[in-house]
Amino acid sequence: MTEQRVLEVLIVPVGWKQPGRGKGGQRFTLPNQRGYKMMVRAAWQAEYPQAPVLLGPVKMKVSVWMPRPKSMVFRRKPMPAYWHTVAPDLTNIFKLTEDSLKGLAFKDDCQVCEEHSFKKVVAGTEQPRIIIRIEELEQDG
């Protein structure tokens, strides 16, 4: 069994979007995506400063906890977590998270051969966050 690396980042999850175009038609990364990638990368480097980049097939699990809408915050009623069914799409959050870890956790995002993810709204007064679990898969000989 291989070691599992786990990272929890207290951040409002952001989904990947098509790059914008500036003056002259040059493409650019949207500011919120750039900030998200920088936060995830910085958190990974702080948690795993000496960890080697994985070179084989990888399993990646992403747990996404979105912020609770103000209309769903109550003083006396219970506030359980529930499924987040609006934008951003889970696949786009996963893609941006995967891109963020390219070159740090694994050499290239094409190494992710198995993925698991879910997206929920936080319970009560919990903070929005993303929990990433990465594990190298064994080669089936």
N, C-alpha and C. Protein backbone atom coordinates (compact mmCIF):
# COMPACT_ATOMS: atom_id res chain seq x y z
N MET A 1 0.85 -1.19 0.00
CA MET A 1 0.00 0.00 0.00
C MET A 1 0.89 1.24 0.00
N THR A 2 0.55 2.20 -0.80
CA THR A 2 1.34 3.42 -0.89
C THR A 2 0.83 4.48 0.07
N GLU A 3 1.67 5.43 0.33
CA GLU A 3 1.35 6.53 1.24
C GLU A 3 0.30 7.45 0.60
N GLN A 4 -0.65 7.89 1.40
CA GLN A 4 -1.65 8.84 0.94
C GLN A 4 -1.27 10.23 1.46
N ARG A 5 -1.25 11.18 0.57
CA ARG A 5 -0.98 12.57 0.96
C ARG A 5 -2.31 13.31 1.01
N VAL A 6 -2.54 14.00 2.12
CA VAL A 6 -3.81 14.70 2.33
C VAL A 6 -3.54 16.17 2.57
N LEU A 7 -4.31 17.01 1.89
CA LEU A 7 -4.16 18.46 2.04
C LEU A 7 -5.54 19.09 2.19
N GLU A 8 -5.70 19.91 3.23
CA GLU A 8 -6.94 20.67 3.42
C GLU A 8 -6.61 22.15 3.26
N VAL A 9 -7.33 22.81 2.34
CA VAL A 9 -7.10 24.23 2.07
C VAL A 9 -8.40 24.97 2.38
N LEU A 10 -8.33 25.94 3.31
CA LEU A 10 -9.50 26.75 3.63
C LEU A 10 -9.61 27.85 2.58
N ILE A 11 -10.43 27.59 1.59
CA ILE A 11 -10.58 28.50 0.44
C ILE A 11 -11.95 28.25 -0.17
N VAL A 12 -12.52 29.28 -0.77
CA VAL A 12 -13.77 29.09 -1.52
C VAL A 12 -13.40 28.44 -2.84
N PRO A 13 -13.85 27.20 -3.09
CA PRO A 13 -13.48 26.50 -4.31
C PRO A 13 -13.92 27.25 -5.57
N VAL A 14 -13.07 27.19 -6.59
CA VAL A 14 -13.30 27.88 -7.86
C VAL A 14 -13.22 26.85 -8.97
N GLY A 15 -14.05 26.99 -9.98
CA GLY A 15 -14.01 26.09 -11.12
C GLY A 15 -13.20 26.66 -12.27
N TRP A 16 -12.71 25.77 -13.13
CA TRP A 16 -11.97 26.17 -14.31
C TRP A 16 -12.93 26.79 -15.33
N LYS A 17 -12.48 27.86 -15.99
CA LYS A 17 -13.25 28.48 -17.07
C LYS A 17 -12.31 28.73 -18.23
N GLN A 18 -12.88 28.86 -19.39
CA GLN A 18 -12.10 29.16 -20.59
C GLN A 18 -11.29 30.43 -20.34
N PRO A 19 -10.00 30.44 -20.74
CA PRO A 19 -9.19 31.66 -20.54
C PRO A 19 -9.81 32.85 -21.25
N GLY A 20 -9.66 34.03 -20.65
CA GLY A 20 -10.15 35.25 -21.27
C GLY A 20 -9.19 35.74 -22.34
N ARG A 21 -9.60 36.78 -23.04
CA ARG A 21 -8.75 37.39 -24.06
C ARG A 21 -8.57 38.87 -23.73
N GLY A 22 -7.31 39.30 -23.75
CA GLY A 22 -7.00 40.69 -23.48
C GLY A 22 -6.92 41.48 -24.79
N LYS A 23 -6.40 42.68 -24.69
CA LYS A 23 -6.20 43.50 -25.87
C LYS A 23 -5.20 42.80 -26.78
N GLY A 24 -5.46 42.81 -28.04
CA GLY A 24 -4.57 42.13 -28.99
C GLY A 24 -4.85 40.65 -29.11
N GLY A 25 -5.88 40.15 -28.41
CA GLY A 25 -6.28 38.76 -28.54
C GLY A 25 -5.46 37.76 -27.72
N GLN A 26 -4.58 38.25 -26.84
CA GLN A 26 -3.79 37.33 -26.04
C GLN A 26 -4.65 36.70 -24.95
N ARG A 27 -4.43 35.42 -24.73
CA ARG A 27 -5.18 34.72 -23.68
C ARG A 27 -4.57 35.01 -22.31
N PHE A 28 -5.42 35.03 -21.28
CA PHE A 28 -4.94 35.21 -19.92
C PHE A 28 -5.79 34.38 -18.97
N THR A 29 -5.21 33.96 -17.86
CA THR A 29 -5.92 33.22 -16.83
C THR A 29 -6.73 34.21 -16.00
N LEU A 30 -7.97 33.86 -15.72
CA LEU A 30 -8.84 34.73 -14.93
C LEU A 30 -8.25 34.90 -13.53
N PRO A 31 -8.36 36.11 -12.94
CA PRO A 31 -7.73 36.39 -11.63
C PRO A 31 -8.15 35.44 -10.51
N ASN A 32 -9.43 35.08 -10.45
CA ASN A 32 -9.86 34.20 -9.35
C ASN A 32 -9.27 32.80 -9.51
N GLN A 33 -9.08 32.36 -10.75
CA GLN A 33 -8.44 31.06 -10.98
C GLN A 33 -6.96 31.11 -10.63
N ARG A 34 -6.30 32.19 -10.98
CA ARG A 34 -4.88 32.36 -10.68
C ARG A 34 -4.67 32.35 -9.17
N GLY A 35 -5.52 33.08 -8.44
CA GLY A 35 -5.42 33.13 -6.98
C GLY A 35 -5.67 31.77 -6.34
N TYR A 36 -6.65 31.04 -6.85
CA TYR A 36 -6.98 29.70 -6.34
C TYR A 36 -5.79 28.77 -6.53
N LYS A 37 -5.22 28.78 -7.74
CA LYS A 37 -4.08 27.91 -8.03
C LYS A 37 -2.89 28.25 -7.13
N MET A 38 -2.65 29.53 -6.93
CA MET A 38 -1.54 29.95 -6.08
C MET A 38 -1.74 29.48 -4.63
N MET A 39 -2.97 29.57 -4.12
CA MET A 39 -3.26 29.14 -2.74
C MET A 39 -3.07 27.63 -2.58
N VAL A 40 -3.57 26.87 -3.54
CA VAL A 40 -3.45 25.41 -3.47
C VAL A 40 -1.97 25.01 -3.56
N ARG A 41 -1.24 25.62 -4.47
CA ARG A 41 0.19 25.31 -4.63
C ARG A 41 0.97 25.67 -3.36
N ALA A 42 0.69 26.84 -2.80
CA ALA A 42 1.39 27.28 -1.59
C ALA A 42 1.09 26.35 -0.42
N ALA A 43 -0.16 25.93 -0.29
CA ALA A 43 -0.54 25.02 0.79
C ALA A 43 0.16 23.67 0.63
N TRP A 44 0.25 23.18 -0.61
CA TRP A 44 0.93 21.90 -0.86
C TRP A 44 2.42 22.00 -0.49
N GLN A 45 3.05 23.09 -0.93
CA GLN A 45 4.47 23.26 -0.65
C GLN A 45 4.74 23.40 0.85
N ALA A 46 3.82 24.03 1.58
CA ALA A 46 3.98 24.17 3.02
C ALA A 46 3.79 22.82 3.73
N GLU A 47 2.84 22.02 3.27
CA GLU A 47 2.53 20.74 3.90
C GLU A 47 3.54 19.64 3.52
N TYR A 48 3.99 19.66 2.27
CA TYR A 48 4.89 18.62 1.75
C TYR A 48 6.12 19.25 1.08
N PRO A 49 6.96 19.95 1.85
CA PRO A 49 8.09 20.65 1.23
C PRO A 49 9.14 19.73 0.61
N GLN A 50 9.33 18.55 1.16
CA GLN A 50 10.36 17.62 0.67
C GLN A 50 9.79 16.44 -0.09
N ALA A 51 8.48 16.40 -0.30
CA ALA A 51 7.86 15.24 -0.96
C ALA A 51 8.26 15.19 -2.43
N PRO A 52 8.66 14.01 -2.90
CA PRO A 52 9.02 13.89 -4.31
C PRO A 52 7.77 13.94 -5.20
N VAL A 53 7.97 14.40 -6.40
CA VAL A 53 6.89 14.43 -7.39
C VAL A 53 6.61 12.99 -7.81
N LEU A 54 5.34 12.58 -7.79
CA LEU A 54 4.99 11.23 -8.19
C LEU A 54 5.11 11.09 -9.70
N LEU A 55 5.64 9.96 -10.15
CA LEU A 55 5.88 9.76 -11.58
C LEU A 55 4.99 8.68 -12.19
N GLY A 56 4.34 7.88 -11.36
CA GLY A 56 3.49 6.80 -11.86
C GLY A 56 2.02 7.19 -11.87
N PRO A 57 1.14 6.20 -12.08
CA PRO A 57 -0.30 6.48 -12.07
C PRO A 57 -0.76 6.91 -10.68
N VAL A 58 -1.74 7.82 -10.64
CA VAL A 58 -2.16 8.46 -9.39
C VAL A 58 -3.67 8.37 -9.23
N LYS A 59 -4.11 8.19 -7.96
CA LYS A 59 -5.52 8.29 -7.60
C LYS A 59 -5.69 9.62 -6.87
N MET A 60 -6.70 10.39 -7.26
CA MET A 60 -6.92 11.70 -6.65
C MET A 60 -8.38 11.79 -6.18
N LYS A 61 -8.54 12.16 -4.90
CA LYS A 61 -9.87 12.35 -4.32
C LYS A 61 -9.98 13.82 -3.92
N VAL A 62 -11.08 14.45 -4.30
CA VAL A 62 -11.29 15.85 -3.97
C VAL A 62 -12.66 16.00 -3.30
N SER A 63 -12.64 16.51 -2.08
CA SER A 63 -13.87 16.81 -1.34
C SER A 63 -14.04 18.32 -1.34
N VAL A 64 -15.13 18.78 -1.91
CA VAL A 64 -15.37 20.21 -2.08
C VAL A 64 -16.48 20.64 -1.13
N TRP A 65 -16.18 21.64 -0.31
CA TRP A 65 -17.15 22.18 0.65
C TRP A 65 -17.37 23.65 0.30
N MET A 66 -18.53 23.93 -0.29
CA MET A 66 -18.86 25.27 -0.75
C MET A 66 -19.43 26.12 0.40
N PRO A 67 -19.33 27.47 0.28
CA PRO A 67 -19.88 28.32 1.34
C PRO A 67 -21.40 28.20 1.43
N ARG A 68 -21.90 28.41 2.62
CA ARG A 68 -23.33 28.36 2.85
C ARG A 68 -23.95 29.69 2.43
N PRO A 69 -25.03 29.67 1.63
CA PRO A 69 -25.68 30.93 1.25
C PRO A 69 -26.26 31.63 2.48
N LYS A 70 -26.21 32.95 2.46
CA LYS A 70 -26.73 33.73 3.60
C LYS A 70 -28.20 33.41 3.88
N SER A 71 -28.95 33.09 2.84
CA SER A 71 -30.37 32.78 3.02
C SER A 71 -30.59 31.45 3.75
N MET A 72 -29.54 30.65 3.88
CA MET A 72 -29.65 29.35 4.55
C MET A 72 -28.94 29.33 5.91
N VAL A 73 -28.63 30.52 6.45
CA VAL A 73 -28.02 30.62 7.77
C VAL A 73 -29.12 30.97 8.77
N PHE A 74 -29.28 30.13 9.80
CA PHE A 74 -30.34 30.31 10.79
C PHE A 74 -29.74 30.40 12.19
N ARG A 75 -30.48 31.05 13.09
CA ARG A 75 -30.01 31.15 14.47
C ARG A 75 -30.44 29.96 15.30
N ARG A 76 -31.66 29.49 15.09
CA ARG A 76 -32.20 28.45 15.97
C ARG A 76 -32.43 27.12 15.27
N LYS A 77 -32.53 27.12 13.98
CA LYS A 77 -32.77 25.87 13.25
C LYS A 77 -31.44 25.18 12.96
N PRO A 78 -31.44 23.85 12.88
CA PRO A 78 -30.21 23.14 12.53
C PRO A 78 -29.78 23.47 11.09
N MET A 79 -28.48 23.42 10.85
CA MET A 79 -27.95 23.74 9.53
C MET A 79 -27.05 22.61 9.04
N PRO A 80 -27.64 21.49 8.64
CA PRO A 80 -26.82 20.37 8.17
C PRO A 80 -26.22 20.67 6.79
N ALA A 81 -25.17 19.93 6.46
CA ALA A 81 -24.59 20.02 5.12
C ALA A 81 -25.60 19.45 4.12
N TYR A 82 -25.52 19.91 2.88
CA TYR A 82 -26.39 19.37 1.82
C TYR A 82 -25.65 19.45 0.49
N TRP A 83 -26.14 18.70 -0.50
CA TRP A 83 -25.50 18.65 -1.82
C TRP A 83 -25.58 20.00 -2.51
N HIS A 84 -24.48 20.41 -3.10
CA HIS A 84 -24.38 21.68 -3.83
C HIS A 84 -24.70 21.40 -5.29
N THR A 85 -25.83 21.90 -5.78
CA THR A 85 -26.30 21.54 -7.12
C THR A 85 -26.27 22.69 -8.12
N VAL A 86 -25.55 23.75 -7.81
CA VAL A 86 -25.45 24.89 -8.74
C VAL A 86 -23.98 25.10 -9.10
N ALA A 87 -23.73 26.05 -10.00
CA ALA A 87 -22.37 26.33 -10.45
C ALA A 87 -21.51 26.76 -9.27
N PRO A 88 -20.21 26.49 -9.32
CA PRO A 88 -19.45 25.90 -10.40
C PRO A 88 -19.58 24.37 -10.43
N ASP A 89 -19.39 23.81 -11.62
CA ASP A 89 -19.46 22.37 -11.80
C ASP A 89 -18.34 21.67 -11.06
N LEU A 90 -18.64 20.51 -10.52
CA LEU A 90 -17.64 19.72 -9.80
C LEU A 90 -16.47 19.35 -10.70
N THR A 91 -16.75 19.01 -11.95
CA THR A 91 -15.66 18.62 -12.87
C THR A 91 -14.70 19.78 -13.12
N ASN A 92 -15.23 21.00 -13.16
CA ASN A 92 -14.37 22.17 -13.38
C ASN A 92 -13.52 22.50 -12.14
N ILE A 93 -14.07 22.27 -10.95
CA ILE A 93 -13.30 22.46 -9.72
C ILE A 93 -12.18 21.42 -9.68
N PHE A 94 -12.53 20.19 -10.01
CA PHE A 94 -11.54 19.10 -10.01
C PHE A 94 -10.42 19.42 -10.99
N LYS A 95 -10.79 19.87 -12.18
CA LYS A 95 -9.80 20.17 -13.22
C LYS A 95 -8.83 21.27 -12.78
N LEU A 96 -9.34 22.34 -12.19
CA LEU A 96 -8.48 23.44 -11.75
C LEU A 96 -7.58 22.99 -10.59
N THR A 97 -8.12 22.16 -9.70
CA THR A 97 -7.32 21.63 -8.59
C THR A 97 -6.21 20.73 -9.12
N GLU A 98 -6.55 19.90 -10.08
CA GLU A 98 -5.58 19.01 -10.72
C GLU A 98 -4.47 19.83 -11.39
N ASP A 99 -4.85 20.85 -12.12
CA ASP A 99 -3.87 21.74 -12.78
C ASP A 99 -2.98 22.43 -11.76
N SER A 100 -3.53 22.77 -10.60
CA SER A 100 -2.77 23.46 -9.55
C SER A 100 -1.62 22.61 -9.03
N LEU A 101 -1.81 21.30 -9.00
CA LEU A 101 -0.82 20.41 -8.40
C LEU A 101 0.15 19.82 -9.42
N LYS A 102 -0.04 20.17 -10.68
CA LYS A 102 0.86 19.70 -11.74
C LYS A 102 2.27 20.20 -11.45
N GLY A 103 3.23 19.27 -11.45
CA GLY A 103 4.62 19.63 -11.18
C GLY A 103 4.98 19.64 -9.70
N LEU A 104 3.99 19.54 -8.81
CA LEU A 104 4.23 19.50 -7.36
C LEU A 104 3.92 18.12 -6.78
N ALA A 105 2.68 17.69 -6.94
CA ALA A 105 2.27 16.39 -6.41
C ALA A 105 2.57 15.28 -7.41
N PHE A 106 2.36 15.59 -8.68
CA PHE A 106 2.63 14.64 -9.77
C PHE A 106 3.20 15.42 -10.94
N LYS A 107 3.91 14.72 -11.82
CA LYS A 107 4.59 15.39 -12.92
C LYS A 107 3.60 16.04 -13.88
N ASP A 108 2.56 15.31 -14.25
CA ASP A 108 1.58 15.82 -15.20
C ASP A 108 0.19 15.32 -14.81
N ASP A 109 -0.83 16.13 -15.09
CA ASP A 109 -2.19 15.74 -14.69
C ASP A 109 -2.72 14.54 -15.48
N CYS A 110 -2.05 14.15 -16.56
CA CYS A 110 -2.48 12.96 -17.30
C CYS A 110 -2.20 11.69 -16.50
N GLN A 111 -1.42 11.78 -15.43
CA GLN A 111 -1.14 10.63 -14.57
C GLN A 111 -2.32 10.26 -13.69
N VAL A 112 -3.29 11.14 -13.55
CA VAL A 112 -4.46 10.85 -12.71
C VAL A 112 -5.32 9.84 -13.45
N CYS A 113 -5.28 8.59 -12.98
CA CYS A 113 -5.98 7.48 -13.63
C CYS A 113 -7.26 7.09 -12.91
N GLU A 114 -7.39 7.52 -11.67
CA GLU A 114 -8.59 7.23 -10.89
C GLU A 114 -8.94 8.49 -10.12
N GLU A 115 -10.22 8.87 -10.18
CA GLU A 115 -10.64 10.08 -9.47
C GLU A 115 -11.96 9.86 -8.76
N HIS A 116 -12.07 10.49 -7.60
CA HIS A 116 -13.30 10.47 -6.80
C HIS A 116 -13.51 11.89 -6.29
N SER A 117 -14.75 12.35 -6.30
CA SER A 117 -15.01 13.70 -5.81
C SER A 117 -16.47 13.87 -5.42
N PHE A 118 -16.71 14.84 -4.57
CA PHE A 118 -18.08 15.25 -4.24
C PHE A 118 -18.07 16.73 -3.90
N LYS A 119 -19.28 17.32 -3.93
CA LYS A 119 -19.42 18.76 -3.69
C LYS A 119 -20.64 18.97 -2.79
N LYS A 120 -20.42 19.57 -1.63
CA LYS A 120 -21.49 19.85 -0.67
C LYS A 120 -21.37 21.26 -0.15
N VAL A 121 -22.45 21.75 0.45
CA VAL A 121 -22.45 23.03 1.15
C VAL A 121 -22.13 22.73 2.61
N VAL A 122 -21.29 23.57 3.21
CA VAL A 122 -20.86 23.34 4.59
C VAL A 122 -22.04 23.35 5.56
N ALA A 123 -21.85 22.65 6.67
CA ALA A 123 -22.86 22.64 7.74
C ALA A 123 -22.59 23.81 8.67
N GLY A 124 -23.66 24.37 9.23
CA GLY A 124 -23.55 25.41 10.25
C GLY A 124 -22.61 26.54 9.89
N THR A 125 -21.65 26.78 10.77
CA THR A 125 -20.73 27.89 10.57
C THR A 125 -19.35 27.42 10.10
N GLU A 126 -19.27 26.20 9.56
CA GLU A 126 -18.00 25.70 9.04
C GLU A 126 -17.50 26.58 7.90
N GLN A 127 -16.20 26.53 7.66
CA GLN A 127 -15.62 27.32 6.58
C GLN A 127 -15.58 26.52 5.28
N PRO A 128 -15.74 27.21 4.14
CA PRO A 128 -15.58 26.51 2.87
C PRO A 128 -14.14 26.03 2.74
N ARG A 129 -13.97 24.90 2.06
CA ARG A 129 -12.63 24.33 1.95
C ARG A 129 -12.61 23.27 0.85
N ILE A 130 -11.41 22.82 0.58
CA ILE A 130 -11.23 21.71 -0.34
C ILE A 130 -10.24 20.75 0.32
N ILE A 131 -10.56 19.48 0.28
CA ILE A 131 -9.68 18.45 0.84
C ILE A 131 -9.22 17.57 -0.32
N ILE A 132 -7.91 17.47 -0.47
CA ILE A 132 -7.32 16.74 -1.58
C ILE A 132 -6.56 15.54 -1.02
N ARG A 133 -6.82 14.37 -1.58
CA ARG A 133 -6.10 13.15 -1.21
C ARG A 133 -5.46 12.59 -2.47
N ILE A 134 -4.15 12.36 -2.40
CA ILE A 134 -3.41 11.84 -3.56
C ILE A 134 -2.64 10.61 -3.13
N GLU A 135 -2.75 9.59 -3.96
CA GLU A 135 -2.08 8.33 -3.67
C GLU A 135 -1.56 7.74 -4.97
N GLU A 136 -0.32 7.26 -4.95
CA GLU A 136 0.24 6.63 -6.15
C GLU A 136 -0.33 5.22 -6.26
N LEU A 137 -0.78 4.87 -7.46
CA LEU A 137 -1.32 3.54 -7.70
C LEU A 137 -0.20 2.58 -8.05
N GLU A 138 -0.39 1.34 -7.70
CA GLU A 138 0.59 0.32 -8.05
C GLU A 138 0.41 -0.08 -9.51
N GLN A 139 1.52 -0.32 -10.18
CA GLN A 139 1.48 -0.77 -11.57
C GLN A 139 0.97 -2.20 -11.60
N ASP A 140 -0.03 -2.47 -12.42
CA ASP A 140 -0.51 -3.83 -12.59
C ASP A 140 0.35 -4.49 -13.66
N GLY A 141 1.25 -5.38 -13.22
CA GLY A 141 2.28 -5.97 -14.04
C GLY A 141 1.84 -6.75 -15.17
